[in-house]
Protein backbone atom coordinates (compact mmCIF):
# COMPACT_ATOMS: atom_id res chain seq x y z
CA MET A 1 28.73 -79.80 7.29
CA SER A 2 29.49 -79.71 10.88
CA LEU A 3 28.92 -76.27 12.65
CA PRO A 4 31.21 -75.36 15.71
CA HIS A 5 28.42 -75.70 18.10
CA THR A 6 29.25 -74.80 22.30
CA PRO A 7 27.01 -77.26 24.39
CA ALA A 8 23.86 -75.08 25.88
CA PRO A 9 23.44 -75.43 29.46
CA ALA A 10 21.70 -78.12 31.63
CA GLY A 11 18.04 -77.70 30.85
CA ASP A 12 17.90 -76.29 27.23
CA ALA A 13 15.52 -77.61 25.23
CA ALA A 14 17.05 -77.00 21.86
CA PRO A 15 18.43 -80.14 20.82
CA ARG A 16 22.31 -80.59 19.46
CA PRO A 17 23.45 -80.36 16.11
CA ALA A 18 24.58 -83.46 16.33
CA LEU A 19 20.98 -85.18 17.06
CA LEU A 20 19.67 -83.39 14.21
CA ALA A 21 22.67 -83.79 11.89
CA GLY A 22 21.42 -86.74 10.62
CA ALA A 23 18.10 -85.16 9.80
CA HIS A 24 19.33 -82.98 7.05
CA ALA A 25 20.21 -85.59 4.77
CA PRO A 26 16.31 -86.76 4.00
CA PHE A 27 14.43 -83.77 4.47
CA LEU A 28 16.62 -82.40 1.77
CA ALA A 29 15.90 -84.72 -0.21
CA LEU A 30 12.15 -84.95 0.43
CA LEU A 31 11.87 -80.64 -1.54
CA GLY A 32 12.52 -81.50 -4.12
CA THR A 33 13.14 -78.51 -6.44
CA GLY A 34 11.40 -76.99 -3.66
CA ARG A 35 13.57 -73.88 -2.86
CA HIS A 36 11.84 -71.90 0.11
CA LEU A 37 12.18 -73.40 3.56
CA LEU A 38 9.99 -72.55 6.50
CA GLU A 39 12.36 -73.17 9.90
CA ALA A 40 9.30 -73.16 12.74
CA GLY A 41 11.31 -72.22 15.97
CA CYS A 42 14.71 -71.34 14.67
CA GLY A 43 16.06 -71.12 18.18
CA ALA A 44 20.08 -69.48 17.29
CA GLY A 45 19.42 -70.16 13.68
CA GLU A 46 22.45 -73.31 13.62
CA ASP A 47 20.24 -75.10 11.03
CA LEU A 48 18.90 -71.98 9.14
CA HIS A 49 22.54 -71.41 8.90
CA LEU A 50 22.97 -74.31 7.62
CA PHE A 51 20.41 -74.96 4.93
CA ARG A 52 21.21 -71.08 3.80
CA GLU A 53 24.28 -72.39 3.01
CA GLN A 54 22.30 -75.07 0.47
CA ASP A 55 21.09 -71.73 -1.23
CA LEU A 56 17.83 -72.07 0.03
CA VAL A 57 15.61 -69.50 0.54
CA VAL A 58 14.51 -69.58 4.85
CA THR A 59 12.43 -67.70 6.59
CA ALA A 60 12.91 -68.38 10.34
CA PHE A 61 10.56 -67.23 13.21
CA ASP A 62 11.40 -68.00 17.15
CA ALA A 63 9.03 -66.87 20.01
CA SER A 64 12.08 -65.81 22.32
CA ARG A 65 13.37 -62.31 21.21
CA GLU A 66 16.49 -63.08 21.98
CA GLN A 67 16.81 -66.02 20.05
CA ALA A 68 15.99 -64.61 16.85
CA ALA A 69 18.10 -61.97 17.81
CA ALA A 70 20.71 -64.25 18.13
CA ALA A 71 20.31 -66.01 14.84
CA SER A 72 19.76 -63.42 13.05
CA ARG A 73 23.62 -62.47 13.73
CA LEU A 74 24.31 -65.68 13.12
CA CYS A 75 23.01 -65.67 9.76
CA GLY A 76 22.35 -61.83 8.46
CA GLN A 77 18.84 -62.26 7.55
CA PRO A 78 15.84 -61.02 9.73
CA VAL A 79 13.87 -63.55 11.83
CA ARG A 80 10.55 -62.57 13.57
CA VAL A 81 9.12 -63.09 16.46
CA CYS A 82 6.23 -65.02 16.73
CA ARG A 83 4.05 -68.41 18.20
CA PHE A 84 3.32 -71.26 16.13
CA GLU A 85 0.34 -70.08 15.10
CA GLN A 86 0.73 -66.33 15.19
CA MET A 87 2.89 -67.48 11.77
CA ARG A 88 1.20 -66.07 8.04
CA SER A 89 2.52 -66.59 5.23
CA VAL A 90 0.62 -65.96 1.72
CA VAL A 91 2.95 -68.47 -0.17
CA PRO A 92 2.78 -71.53 1.01
CA TYR A 93 6.65 -73.48 1.87
CA ASP A 94 8.34 -76.21 -0.22
CA GLY A 95 9.14 -77.74 3.31
CA ILE A 96 8.92 -76.83 7.43
CA TRP A 97 12.11 -77.56 9.77
CA ALA A 98 10.75 -77.84 13.37
CA GLY A 99 14.14 -79.65 14.95
CA GLY A 100 13.34 -79.40 18.19
CA SER A 101 10.67 -76.92 18.89
CA LEU A 102 7.31 -78.49 19.51
CA PRO A 103 8.49 -80.02 22.48
CA CYS A 104 8.39 -76.89 24.12
CA LEU A 105 4.37 -76.37 23.71
CA PRO A 106 2.70 -78.16 26.41
CA GLU A 107 1.16 -81.09 24.81
CA HIS A 108 -2.51 -79.51 24.57
CA GLU A 109 -0.94 -77.53 21.92
CA ILE A 110 0.88 -79.72 19.03
CA ALA A 111 -1.40 -80.75 17.30
CA PRO A 112 -2.87 -77.40 16.71
CA ALA A 113 0.55 -76.33 16.04
CA LEU A 114 0.91 -78.29 13.95
CA GLY A 115 -2.37 -77.95 11.87
CA HIS A 116 -1.40 -74.24 11.68
CA LEU A 117 2.10 -75.30 9.84
CA ALA A 118 0.10 -77.91 7.33
CA THR A 119 -1.78 -74.31 6.21
CA LEU A 120 1.09 -72.97 5.48
CA LEU A 121 2.97 -75.87 3.92
CA LYS A 122 2.40 -77.27 -0.13
CA ALA A 123 1.08 -80.06 -0.90
CA GLY A 124 3.79 -82.54 -0.85
CA GLY A 125 6.58 -80.95 0.76
CA PRO A 126 7.96 -82.09 3.76
CA LEU A 127 7.38 -81.64 7.75
CA TYR A 128 10.60 -82.54 9.51
CA CYS A 129 10.06 -82.70 13.84
CA SER A 130 11.37 -84.31 17.15
CA PHE A 131 10.93 -84.84 20.22
CA PRO A 132 12.65 -86.53 23.27
CA HIS A 133 11.08 -90.47 22.75
CA GLY A 134 8.94 -90.89 25.66
CA ASP A 135 4.87 -91.27 26.08
CA GLY A 136 3.63 -88.01 26.58
CA GLU A 137 5.18 -87.50 30.84
CA PRO A 138 5.78 -83.75 31.02
CA LEU A 139 9.59 -82.72 31.64
CA PRO A 140 10.93 -80.91 34.03
CA ARG A 141 10.66 -77.46 33.13
CA SER A 142 13.66 -74.94 33.16
CA GLY A 143 15.95 -72.96 30.57
CA GLU A 144 14.54 -70.87 28.16
CA TYR A 145 12.66 -73.08 26.24
CA PRO A 146 11.50 -75.00 28.78
CA LEU A 147 10.80 -78.70 27.27
CA GLN A 148 7.63 -79.90 28.31
CA THR A 149 6.32 -83.01 25.96
CA ARG A 150 7.65 -86.72 25.10
CA LEU A 151 6.13 -88.76 21.93
CA ASP A 152 6.75 -92.25 21.79
CA GLU A 153 5.44 -94.28 18.33
CA PRO A 154 1.93 -94.78 19.28
CA GLY A 155 1.67 -91.32 20.34
CA LEU A 156 2.64 -89.74 17.40
CA GLN A 157 0.71 -92.15 15.08
CA ARG A 158 -2.63 -90.42 17.60
CA LEU A 159 -1.28 -87.08 16.83
CA ILE A 160 -0.59 -86.55 13.33
CA THR A 161 -4.06 -89.01 12.25
CA PRO A 162 -6.87 -85.93 12.42
CA LEU A 163 -4.25 -83.57 10.91
CA PRO A 164 -3.39 -83.48 6.63
CA PHE A 165 -0.19 -85.37 6.72
CA ALA A 166 1.22 -88.53 6.17
CA LEU A 167 3.60 -90.58 7.69
CA HIS A 168 6.63 -90.31 5.42
CA ARG A 169 9.22 -91.77 7.90
CA HIS A 170 10.47 -91.59 11.73
CA TRP A 171 13.23 -92.61 13.43
CA CYS A 172 15.40 -92.68 16.83
CA SER A 173 18.59 -91.76 18.21
CA GLU A 174 20.23 -91.52 21.09
CA ASP A 175 23.83 -89.94 22.51
CA GLU A 176 24.75 -88.81 25.98
CA VAL A 177 23.92 -85.42 25.49
CA ASN A 178 20.65 -85.42 23.63
CA GLY A 179 18.72 -88.32 25.24
CA ARG A 180 16.60 -90.49 23.50
CA TRP A 181 14.58 -88.08 20.08
CA LEU A 182 12.22 -89.32 17.73
CA HIS A 183 12.31 -88.44 14.35
CA VAL A 184 9.84 -87.58 12.23
CA LEU A 185 9.28 -86.87 8.56
CA LEU A 186 5.53 -85.70 7.55
CA ILE A 187 4.61 -85.02 4.17
CA ARG A 188 1.66 -82.77 3.84
CA ARG A 189 -1.98 -84.13 1.74
């Protein structure tokens, strides 16, 4: 399913839906019978909308009050306003989708954020995330969600080695609007 999308202004951090479209199917295939997702950093709610149309139960949050309100309007459900480390849940999620939200963090905050997300995920559950492809150098800061961190394959290995995740799959995609991105599917150990 493809959602209509107006391109965001230059400097907006969120990757466009076309960039993430190839990631939905492999992520959903890893869910098995699990039907409760966490969308970590949902932005304006395009992926949240898509997951709800797949009859999934989705809890979503975003650090921006404005983006959370936009996602809530689009999807007709409440969206929490919080940062990664502030998210809490009594019951672990079957899967976590963190589309293009993690690169908005400074590099030194990404491992702690992933570590915290691991505490919210069932063992064996998938976590999807994506990053502008590169060797970690900071990106120019602009827009509401300035992209701050790039990640390449060696950086990915260094990042996940101490965390309770196994690398299931990674791949790169590139287009004129988004540039080159690294897509990552992790499994909670």
